Amino acid sequence: MSNKINLVIQVQGENYFPAVKQKADFAYVGQLAINAPKPVENTKEQRESLSDIINLIAEDNKQLLQSYEQWRKTILSMVVAGELSREQLMDLYITFYPVQSNATVSLSTLEQAKGNSVIADVPQEREQQTIELLANALAGWISTKQIEPDTLFDQIERQSTISLR
C-alpha cells in the first residue's frame, strides 16, 4: 500500500507555506503568526571606525592608570606621614580582598604599556616592598571599582580611632 500525500507549497516572498483547501479553517492561525524581530542595529558603532574604538579604549586605559597612580600616591603618602602602618595596610588588604576579581584590565599591563617598570630595579627593604605591594593592590581595587574609596577611608578612620584608645 502506498500512501501518497498530495502537498502543495505556496511561495510568498522568501517564505514557504503549505497550501490549504479550506482557508476559513486556518484564517485564525494566520493571525497568530508573529514576525521575527529584526536585529537591532547599533548605528553608533557603524559610524565609528576601528581606530576610533581603539582610541576610546586607550583613553579609558589612560584614565584608569591615572586614577590608580593617584590612589597609590595617596595611600603611600599616608604611610610616609605615619597615618598608616604596614599592619594597618595588611588589615585593610585582608578586609577588602575581593571575593571575585572582576578587573578586566590588568593594571600592571597598563603600567608596562606606559613604560613604567613593574619589577623594581633597585632592591628594596622587605617591609617597604610589602607596603608598596599592599598600596598597589588597594589602589587597583579602588580604580577598578571593586571597593569604594569612602568605605576604605572610613575603615582607616576607625583603625586610627581604635589605635588612639
N, C-alpha and C. Protein backbone atom coordinates (compact mmCIF):
# COMPACT_ATOMS: atom_id res chain seq x y z
N MET A 1 0.81 -1.17 0.00
CA MET A 1 0.00 0.00 0.00
C MET A 1 0.86 1.25 0.00
N SER A 2 0.53 2.10 -0.82
CA SER A 2 1.29 3.32 -0.93
C SER A 2 0.42 4.48 -0.48
N ASN A 3 0.90 5.19 0.52
CA ASN A 3 0.17 6.37 0.99
C ASN A 3 0.85 7.60 0.40
N LYS A 4 0.21 8.20 -0.53
CA LYS A 4 0.75 9.41 -1.15
C LYS A 4 0.11 10.62 -0.49
N ILE A 5 0.93 11.56 -0.23
CA ILE A 5 0.45 12.82 0.33
C ILE A 5 0.48 13.84 -0.79
N ASN A 6 -0.64 14.44 -0.99
CA ASN A 6 -0.74 15.47 -2.00
C ASN A 6 -0.50 16.81 -1.32
N LEU A 7 0.73 17.32 -1.41
CA LEU A 7 1.12 18.54 -0.72
C LEU A 7 1.49 19.59 -1.73
N VAL A 8 0.91 20.76 -1.57
CA VAL A 8 1.21 21.88 -2.44
C VAL A 8 1.83 22.97 -1.58
N ILE A 9 2.93 23.51 -2.04
CA ILE A 9 3.64 24.57 -1.29
C ILE A 9 3.44 25.90 -2.01
N GLN A 10 3.10 26.93 -1.22
CA GLN A 10 2.97 28.27 -1.76
C GLN A 10 4.25 29.04 -1.41
N VAL A 11 4.71 29.86 -2.31
CA VAL A 11 5.87 30.71 -2.06
C VAL A 11 5.37 32.15 -2.01
N GLN A 12 5.63 32.80 -0.85
CA GLN A 12 5.25 34.20 -0.68
C GLN A 12 6.51 34.96 -0.28
N GLY A 13 7.10 35.61 -1.24
CA GLY A 13 8.38 36.28 -0.97
C GLY A 13 9.45 35.23 -0.77
N GLU A 14 10.08 35.26 0.39
CA GLU A 14 11.09 34.25 0.72
C GLU A 14 10.54 33.20 1.68
N ASN A 15 9.24 33.23 1.94
CA ASN A 15 8.62 32.31 2.88
C ASN A 15 7.85 31.22 2.13
N TYR A 16 7.86 30.02 2.67
CA TYR A 16 7.15 28.89 2.09
C TYR A 16 6.02 28.48 3.02
N PHE A 17 4.80 28.29 2.45
CA PHE A 17 3.65 27.90 3.24
C PHE A 17 2.94 26.74 2.54
N PRO A 18 2.37 25.83 3.33
CA PRO A 18 1.58 24.77 2.68
C PRO A 18 0.25 25.36 2.20
N ALA A 19 -0.19 24.92 1.05
CA ALA A 19 -1.48 25.37 0.53
C ALA A 19 -2.58 24.55 1.21
N VAL A 20 -3.68 25.20 1.54
CA VAL A 20 -4.80 24.50 2.18
C VAL A 20 -6.05 24.66 1.31
N LYS A 21 -6.92 23.67 1.39
CA LYS A 21 -8.15 23.71 0.59
C LYS A 21 -9.22 24.53 1.27
N GLN A 22 -9.34 24.45 2.59
CA GLN A 22 -10.37 25.18 3.31
C GLN A 22 -9.70 26.29 4.12
N LYS A 23 -9.50 27.42 3.49
CA LYS A 23 -8.77 28.54 4.08
C LYS A 23 -9.46 29.10 5.32
N ALA A 24 -10.76 29.04 5.38
CA ALA A 24 -11.50 29.60 6.52
C ALA A 24 -11.13 28.91 7.82
N ASP A 25 -10.81 27.62 7.76
CA ASP A 25 -10.45 26.88 8.97
C ASP A 25 -9.10 27.35 9.55
N PHE A 26 -8.28 27.93 8.71
CA PHE A 26 -6.93 28.31 9.15
C PHE A 26 -6.71 29.81 9.20
N ALA A 27 -7.75 30.59 8.97
CA ALA A 27 -7.61 32.05 8.96
C ALA A 27 -7.13 32.58 10.31
N TYR A 28 -7.66 32.04 11.41
CA TYR A 28 -7.28 32.48 12.75
C TYR A 28 -5.82 32.17 13.03
N VAL A 29 -5.34 31.04 12.58
CA VAL A 29 -3.95 30.66 12.81
C VAL A 29 -3.00 31.66 12.16
N GLY A 30 -3.39 32.16 11.00
CA GLY A 30 -2.56 33.16 10.32
C GLY A 30 -2.43 34.44 11.11
N GLN A 31 -3.47 34.77 11.88
CA GLN A 31 -3.42 35.99 12.69
C GLN A 31 -2.48 35.83 13.88
N LEU A 32 -2.26 34.59 14.30
CA LEU A 32 -1.38 34.34 15.44
C LEU A 32 0.10 34.40 15.06
N ALA A 33 0.38 34.31 13.78
CA ALA A 33 1.78 34.30 13.35
C ALA A 33 2.45 35.61 13.74
N ILE A 34 3.63 35.49 14.30
CA ILE A 34 4.40 36.67 14.74
C ILE A 34 5.64 36.74 13.88
N ASN A 35 5.84 37.89 13.32
CA ASN A 35 7.04 38.07 12.52
C ASN A 35 8.25 38.12 13.45
N ALA A 36 9.32 37.52 13.02
CA ALA A 36 10.55 37.54 13.82
C ALA A 36 11.06 38.97 13.93
N PRO A 37 11.54 39.34 15.12
CA PRO A 37 12.04 40.72 15.26
C PRO A 37 13.30 40.92 14.42
N LYS A 38 13.40 42.10 13.89
CA LYS A 38 14.59 42.43 13.12
C LYS A 38 15.73 42.70 14.10
N PRO A 39 16.95 42.31 13.75
CA PRO A 39 18.07 42.55 14.66
C PRO A 39 18.25 44.05 14.89
N VAL A 40 18.58 44.38 16.14
CA VAL A 40 18.81 45.76 16.50
C VAL A 40 20.19 46.15 15.97
N GLU A 41 20.22 47.24 15.27
CA GLU A 41 21.48 47.69 14.71
C GLU A 41 21.98 48.87 15.53
N ASN A 42 23.20 48.78 15.95
CA ASN A 42 23.82 49.88 16.68
C ASN A 42 24.45 50.80 15.64
N THR A 43 23.72 51.86 15.31
CA THR A 43 24.20 52.76 14.27
C THR A 43 25.42 53.54 14.71
N LYS A 44 25.56 53.75 16.02
CA LYS A 44 26.72 54.49 16.51
C LYS A 44 28.01 53.72 16.21
N GLU A 45 27.98 52.40 16.43
CA GLU A 45 29.17 51.60 16.16
C GLU A 45 29.51 51.60 14.69
N GLN A 46 28.50 51.66 13.84
CA GLN A 46 28.75 51.63 12.41
C GLN A 46 29.42 52.92 11.94
N ARG A 47 29.15 54.01 12.63
CA ARG A 47 29.76 55.27 12.23
C ARG A 47 31.19 55.38 12.75
N GLU A 48 31.51 54.65 13.80
CA GLU A 48 32.85 54.72 14.35
C GLU A 48 33.76 53.72 13.64
N SER A 49 34.94 54.17 13.37
CA SER A 49 35.89 53.26 12.75
C SER A 49 36.61 52.48 13.85
N LEU A 50 37.33 51.48 13.44
CA LEU A 50 38.08 50.67 14.40
C LEU A 50 39.10 51.52 15.13
N SER A 51 39.71 52.45 14.44
CA SER A 51 40.70 53.31 15.10
C SER A 51 40.05 54.20 16.15
N ASP A 52 38.79 54.63 15.90
CA ASP A 52 38.08 55.42 16.91
C ASP A 52 37.83 54.60 18.16
N ILE A 53 37.45 53.35 17.97
CA ILE A 53 37.18 52.46 19.11
C ILE A 53 38.48 52.19 19.87
N ILE A 54 39.56 51.95 19.15
CA ILE A 54 40.87 51.71 19.79
C ILE A 54 41.31 52.95 20.56
N ASN A 55 41.10 54.14 19.99
CA ASN A 55 41.45 55.38 20.70
C ASN A 55 40.60 55.55 21.95
N LEU A 56 39.34 55.18 21.88
CA LEU A 56 38.45 55.26 23.04
C LEU A 56 38.94 54.33 24.16
N ILE A 57 39.34 53.11 23.79
CA ILE A 57 39.87 52.16 24.78
C ILE A 57 41.17 52.68 25.37
N ALA A 58 42.03 53.24 24.53
CA ALA A 58 43.31 53.78 25.01
C ALA A 58 43.08 54.93 25.99
N GLU A 59 42.11 55.78 25.70
CA GLU A 59 41.80 56.90 26.60
C GLU A 59 41.26 56.38 27.93
N ASP A 60 40.39 55.38 27.87
CA ASP A 60 39.85 54.77 29.09
C ASP A 60 40.97 54.16 29.93
N ASN A 61 41.88 53.45 29.27
CA ASN A 61 43.02 52.86 29.98
C ASN A 61 43.89 53.93 30.61
N LYS A 62 44.08 55.04 29.90
CA LYS A 62 44.89 56.15 30.43
C LYS A 62 44.25 56.72 31.70
N GLN A 63 42.93 56.91 31.66
CA GLN A 63 42.22 57.43 32.83
C GLN A 63 42.28 56.45 33.99
N LEU A 64 42.16 55.16 33.70
CA LEU A 64 42.26 54.12 34.73
C LEU A 64 43.63 54.14 35.38
N LEU A 65 44.67 54.26 34.58
CA LEU A 65 46.03 54.28 35.10
C LEU A 65 46.28 55.55 35.93
N GLN A 66 45.73 56.68 35.49
CA GLN A 66 45.88 57.92 36.26
C GLN A 66 45.18 57.81 37.61
N SER A 67 44.00 57.22 37.61
CA SER A 67 43.27 57.01 38.87
C SER A 67 44.08 56.12 39.80
N TYR A 68 44.61 55.05 39.24
CA TYR A 68 45.42 54.11 40.02
C TYR A 68 46.63 54.82 40.63
N GLU A 69 47.34 55.59 39.81
CA GLU A 69 48.53 56.30 40.30
C GLU A 69 48.16 57.29 41.40
N GLN A 70 47.03 57.97 41.23
CA GLN A 70 46.60 58.95 42.23
C GLN A 70 46.30 58.26 43.57
N TRP A 71 45.53 57.17 43.53
CA TRP A 71 45.19 56.47 44.77
C TRP A 71 46.44 55.85 45.40
N ARG A 72 47.34 55.33 44.57
CA ARG A 72 48.58 54.72 45.07
C ARG A 72 49.41 55.77 45.81
N LYS A 73 49.56 56.96 45.21
CA LYS A 73 50.33 58.04 45.85
C LYS A 73 49.65 58.49 47.15
N THR A 74 48.33 58.55 47.14
CA THR A 74 47.60 58.96 48.34
C THR A 74 47.86 57.99 49.49
N ILE A 75 47.76 56.70 49.19
CA ILE A 75 47.97 55.68 50.24
C ILE A 75 49.41 55.69 50.72
N LEU A 76 50.37 55.77 49.80
CA LEU A 76 51.78 55.78 50.19
C LEU A 76 52.13 57.06 50.97
N SER A 77 51.51 58.19 50.63
CA SER A 77 51.78 59.42 51.39
C SER A 77 51.22 59.31 52.81
N MET A 78 50.14 58.58 52.98
CA MET A 78 49.60 58.35 54.32
C MET A 78 50.57 57.49 55.14
N VAL A 79 51.24 56.56 54.46
CA VAL A 79 52.24 55.73 55.15
C VAL A 79 53.41 56.60 55.57
N VAL A 80 53.90 57.44 54.65
CA VAL A 80 55.05 58.31 54.95
C VAL A 80 54.70 59.28 56.08
N ALA A 81 53.46 59.76 56.11
CA ALA A 81 53.04 60.70 57.15
C ALA A 81 52.77 60.01 58.48
N GLY A 82 52.85 58.68 58.50
CA GLY A 82 52.62 57.95 59.74
C GLY A 82 51.15 57.70 60.04
N GLU A 83 50.28 57.97 59.09
CA GLU A 83 48.85 57.76 59.30
C GLU A 83 48.46 56.30 59.08
N LEU A 84 49.30 55.56 58.37
CA LEU A 84 49.05 54.14 58.11
C LEU A 84 50.33 53.36 58.34
N SER A 85 50.19 52.21 58.97
CA SER A 85 51.35 51.33 59.17
C SER A 85 51.22 50.12 58.25
N ARG A 86 52.28 49.34 58.18
CA ARG A 86 52.23 48.11 57.38
C ARG A 86 51.14 47.18 57.90
N GLU A 87 51.01 47.10 59.22
CA GLU A 87 50.00 46.23 59.82
C GLU A 87 48.59 46.71 59.45
N GLN A 88 48.37 48.02 59.48
CA GLN A 88 47.06 48.54 59.10
C GLN A 88 46.77 48.28 57.63
N LEU A 89 47.78 48.43 56.78
CA LEU A 89 47.61 48.13 55.36
C LEU A 89 47.26 46.65 55.16
N MET A 90 47.93 45.81 55.92
CA MET A 90 47.67 44.37 55.83
C MET A 90 46.23 44.07 56.26
N ASP A 91 45.78 44.72 57.34
CA ASP A 91 44.39 44.54 57.79
C ASP A 91 43.39 45.01 56.72
N LEU A 92 43.69 46.16 56.08
CA LEU A 92 42.83 46.66 55.03
C LEU A 92 42.81 45.71 53.84
N TYR A 93 43.96 45.17 53.51
CA TYR A 93 44.07 44.21 52.40
C TYR A 93 43.20 42.99 52.67
N ILE A 94 43.30 42.48 53.88
CA ILE A 94 42.52 41.28 54.25
C ILE A 94 41.03 41.61 54.28
N THR A 95 40.69 42.77 54.83
CA THR A 95 39.28 43.16 54.96
C THR A 95 38.63 43.35 53.59
N PHE A 96 39.34 43.99 52.67
CA PHE A 96 38.73 44.36 51.39
C PHE A 96 39.12 43.45 50.23
N TYR A 97 39.82 42.35 50.52
CA TYR A 97 40.21 41.45 49.44
C TYR A 97 38.96 40.99 48.70
N PRO A 98 38.89 41.25 47.38
CA PRO A 98 37.67 40.89 46.64
C PRO A 98 37.47 39.38 46.58
N VAL A 99 36.24 38.97 46.81
CA VAL A 99 35.91 37.55 46.73
C VAL A 99 36.11 37.06 45.30
N GLN A 100 35.70 37.91 44.37
CA GLN A 100 35.83 37.56 42.96
C GLN A 100 36.39 38.78 42.25
N SER A 101 37.48 38.60 41.56
CA SER A 101 38.09 39.72 40.86
C SER A 101 37.37 39.93 39.54
N ASN A 102 36.88 41.14 39.35
CA ASN A 102 36.20 41.44 38.10
C ASN A 102 36.99 42.43 37.26
N ALA A 103 38.23 42.61 37.60
CA ALA A 103 39.07 43.55 36.85
C ALA A 103 39.39 42.95 35.48
N THR A 104 38.89 43.60 34.45
CA THR A 104 39.15 43.09 33.11
C THR A 104 40.47 43.61 32.56
N VAL A 105 40.98 44.63 33.19
CA VAL A 105 42.23 45.22 32.74
C VAL A 105 43.27 45.03 33.82
N SER A 106 44.41 44.50 33.45
CA SER A 106 45.49 44.34 34.39
C SER A 106 46.24 45.65 34.50
N LEU A 107 46.29 46.21 35.71
CA LEU A 107 46.97 47.48 35.90
C LEU A 107 48.47 47.35 35.64
N SER A 108 49.04 46.19 35.94
CA SER A 108 50.47 46.01 35.66
C SER A 108 50.72 46.03 34.16
N THR A 109 49.79 45.52 33.37
CA THR A 109 49.92 45.57 31.92
C THR A 109 49.85 47.01 31.43
N LEU A 110 48.95 47.79 32.02
CA LEU A 110 48.86 49.21 31.65
C LEU A 110 50.13 49.96 32.04
N GLU A 111 50.68 49.63 33.20
CA GLU A 111 51.92 50.28 33.62
C GLU A 111 53.06 49.95 32.67
N GLN A 112 53.13 48.70 32.24
CA GLN A 112 54.17 48.31 31.30
C GLN A 112 54.00 49.02 29.97
N ALA A 113 52.75 49.15 29.51
CA ALA A 113 52.49 49.82 28.24
C ALA A 113 52.88 51.30 28.32
N LYS A 114 52.73 51.88 29.51
CA LYS A 114 53.09 53.28 29.70
C LYS A 114 54.60 53.45 29.77
N GLY A 115 55.29 52.36 30.07
CA GLY A 115 56.75 52.44 30.13
C GLY A 115 57.29 52.33 31.55
N ASN A 116 56.39 52.20 32.52
CA ASN A 116 56.83 52.03 33.90
C ASN A 116 57.28 50.60 34.12
N SER A 117 58.33 50.45 34.86
CA SER A 117 58.80 49.11 35.17
C SER A 117 57.97 48.53 36.31
N VAL A 118 57.45 47.34 36.10
CA VAL A 118 56.65 46.70 37.14
C VAL A 118 57.57 46.06 38.17
N ILE A 119 58.70 45.57 37.74
CA ILE A 119 59.66 44.96 38.65
C ILE A 119 60.65 46.03 39.07
N ALA A 120 60.84 46.17 40.33
CA ALA A 120 61.72 47.21 40.85
C ALA A 120 63.15 46.97 40.38
N ASP A 121 63.80 48.06 39.98
CA ASP A 121 65.19 47.96 39.54
C ASP A 121 66.13 47.87 40.74
N VAL A 122 65.84 48.65 41.76
CA VAL A 122 66.69 48.70 42.94
C VAL A 122 66.08 47.82 44.02
N PRO A 123 66.87 46.92 44.60
CA PRO A 123 66.30 46.10 45.68
C PRO A 123 65.82 46.98 46.82
N GLN A 124 64.64 46.67 47.31
CA GLN A 124 64.07 47.45 48.41
C GLN A 124 64.09 46.62 49.68
N GLU A 125 63.98 47.34 50.75
CA GLU A 125 63.82 46.67 52.03
C GLU A 125 62.51 45.90 51.99
N ARG A 126 62.49 44.73 52.61
CA ARG A 126 61.32 43.86 52.54
C ARG A 126 60.06 44.55 53.03
N GLU A 127 60.15 45.30 54.11
CA GLU A 127 58.96 45.97 54.64
C GLU A 127 58.45 47.03 53.66
N GLN A 128 59.36 47.79 53.06
CA GLN A 128 58.96 48.82 52.09
C GLN A 128 58.31 48.18 50.86
N GLN A 129 58.87 47.06 50.43
CA GLN A 129 58.30 46.36 49.28
C GLN A 129 56.89 45.85 49.60
N THR A 130 56.69 45.32 50.80
CA THR A 130 55.38 44.85 51.23
C THR A 130 54.38 46.00 51.26
N ILE A 131 54.81 47.14 51.80
CA ILE A 131 53.94 48.32 51.87
C ILE A 131 53.53 48.75 50.47
N GLU A 132 54.48 48.78 49.55
CA GLU A 132 54.15 49.20 48.18
C GLU A 132 53.21 48.21 47.48
N LEU A 133 53.43 46.93 47.70
CA LEU A 133 52.54 45.93 47.10
C LEU A 133 51.12 46.04 47.65
N LEU A 134 51.01 46.27 48.95
CA LEU A 134 49.69 46.43 49.56
C LEU A 134 49.01 47.71 49.04
N ALA A 135 49.78 48.79 48.95
CA ALA A 135 49.23 50.05 48.43
C ALA A 135 48.80 49.88 46.97
N ASN A 136 49.61 49.14 46.20
CA ASN A 136 49.25 48.88 44.79
C ASN A 136 47.93 48.13 44.69
N ALA A 137 47.78 47.12 45.52
CA ALA A 137 46.56 46.31 45.49
C ALA A 137 45.34 47.16 45.86
N LEU A 138 45.44 47.93 46.95
CA LEU A 138 44.32 48.76 47.38
C LEU A 138 43.99 49.82 46.33
N ALA A 139 45.01 50.45 45.76
CA ALA A 139 44.78 51.46 44.72
C ALA A 139 44.14 50.83 43.48
N GLY A 140 44.57 49.63 43.14
CA GLY A 140 43.98 48.93 42.00
C GLY A 140 42.52 48.60 42.23
N TRP A 141 42.19 48.17 43.43
CA TRP A 141 40.80 47.83 43.74
C TRP A 141 39.90 49.06 43.70
N ILE A 142 40.44 50.20 44.16
CA ILE A 142 39.66 51.44 44.10
C ILE A 142 39.47 51.84 42.64
N SER A 143 40.54 51.80 41.86
CA SER A 143 40.49 52.24 40.46
C SER A 143 39.56 51.39 39.62
N THR A 144 39.51 50.11 39.90
CA THR A 144 38.64 49.22 39.12
C THR A 144 37.27 49.05 39.77
N LYS A 145 37.00 49.92 40.74
CA LYS A 145 35.68 49.97 41.41
C LYS A 145 35.28 48.67 42.10
N GLN A 146 36.28 47.96 42.61
CA GLN A 146 35.98 46.76 43.39
C GLN A 146 35.71 47.12 44.84
N ILE A 147 36.24 48.27 45.27
CA ILE A 147 35.91 48.80 46.59
C ILE A 147 35.68 50.30 46.45
N GLU A 148 34.82 50.81 47.30
CA GLU A 148 34.52 52.24 47.30
C GLU A 148 35.56 52.97 48.14
N PRO A 149 36.11 54.07 47.65
CA PRO A 149 37.12 54.81 48.44
C PRO A 149 36.58 55.27 49.79
N ASP A 150 35.32 55.69 49.83
CA ASP A 150 34.74 56.15 51.10
C ASP A 150 34.73 55.03 52.13
N THR A 151 34.40 53.83 51.70
CA THR A 151 34.38 52.68 52.61
C THR A 151 35.78 52.38 53.13
N LEU A 152 36.75 52.42 52.24
CA LEU A 152 38.14 52.17 52.64
C LEU A 152 38.61 53.21 53.65
N PHE A 153 38.36 54.49 53.37
CA PHE A 153 38.85 55.54 54.26
C PHE A 153 38.06 55.61 55.56
N ASP A 154 36.81 55.17 55.54
CA ASP A 154 36.07 55.03 56.80
C ASP A 154 36.73 53.97 57.68
N GLN A 155 37.15 52.88 57.07
CA GLN A 155 37.83 51.81 57.80
C GLN A 155 39.17 52.31 58.35
N ILE A 156 39.90 53.10 57.56
CA ILE A 156 41.17 53.68 58.03
C ILE A 156 40.91 54.57 59.22
N GLU A 157 39.86 55.35 59.14
CA GLU A 157 39.49 56.25 60.24
C GLU A 157 39.17 55.46 61.51
N ARG A 158 38.42 54.36 61.34
CA ARG A 158 38.08 53.52 62.50
C ARG A 158 39.34 52.90 63.10
N GLN A 159 40.26 52.45 62.22
CA GLN A 159 41.51 51.86 62.71
C GLN A 159 42.32 52.86 63.51
N SER A 160 42.39 54.13 63.02
CA SER A 160 43.18 55.11 63.76
C SER A 160 42.51 55.50 65.06
N THR A 161 41.19 55.49 65.09
CA THR A 161 40.47 55.78 66.33
C THR A 161 40.72 54.68 67.37
N ILE A 162 40.70 53.45 66.91
CA ILE A 162 40.94 52.31 67.81
C ILE A 162 42.38 52.34 68.34
N SER A 163 43.34 52.67 67.47
CA SER A 163 44.74 52.67 67.90
C SER A 163 45.05 53.82 68.86
N LEU A 164 44.24 54.89 68.83
CA LEU A 164 44.46 56.02 69.74
C LEU A 164 43.94 55.73 71.15
N ARG A 165 43.03 54.77 71.27
CA ARG A 165 42.43 54.49 72.57
C ARG A 165 43.36 53.76 73.47
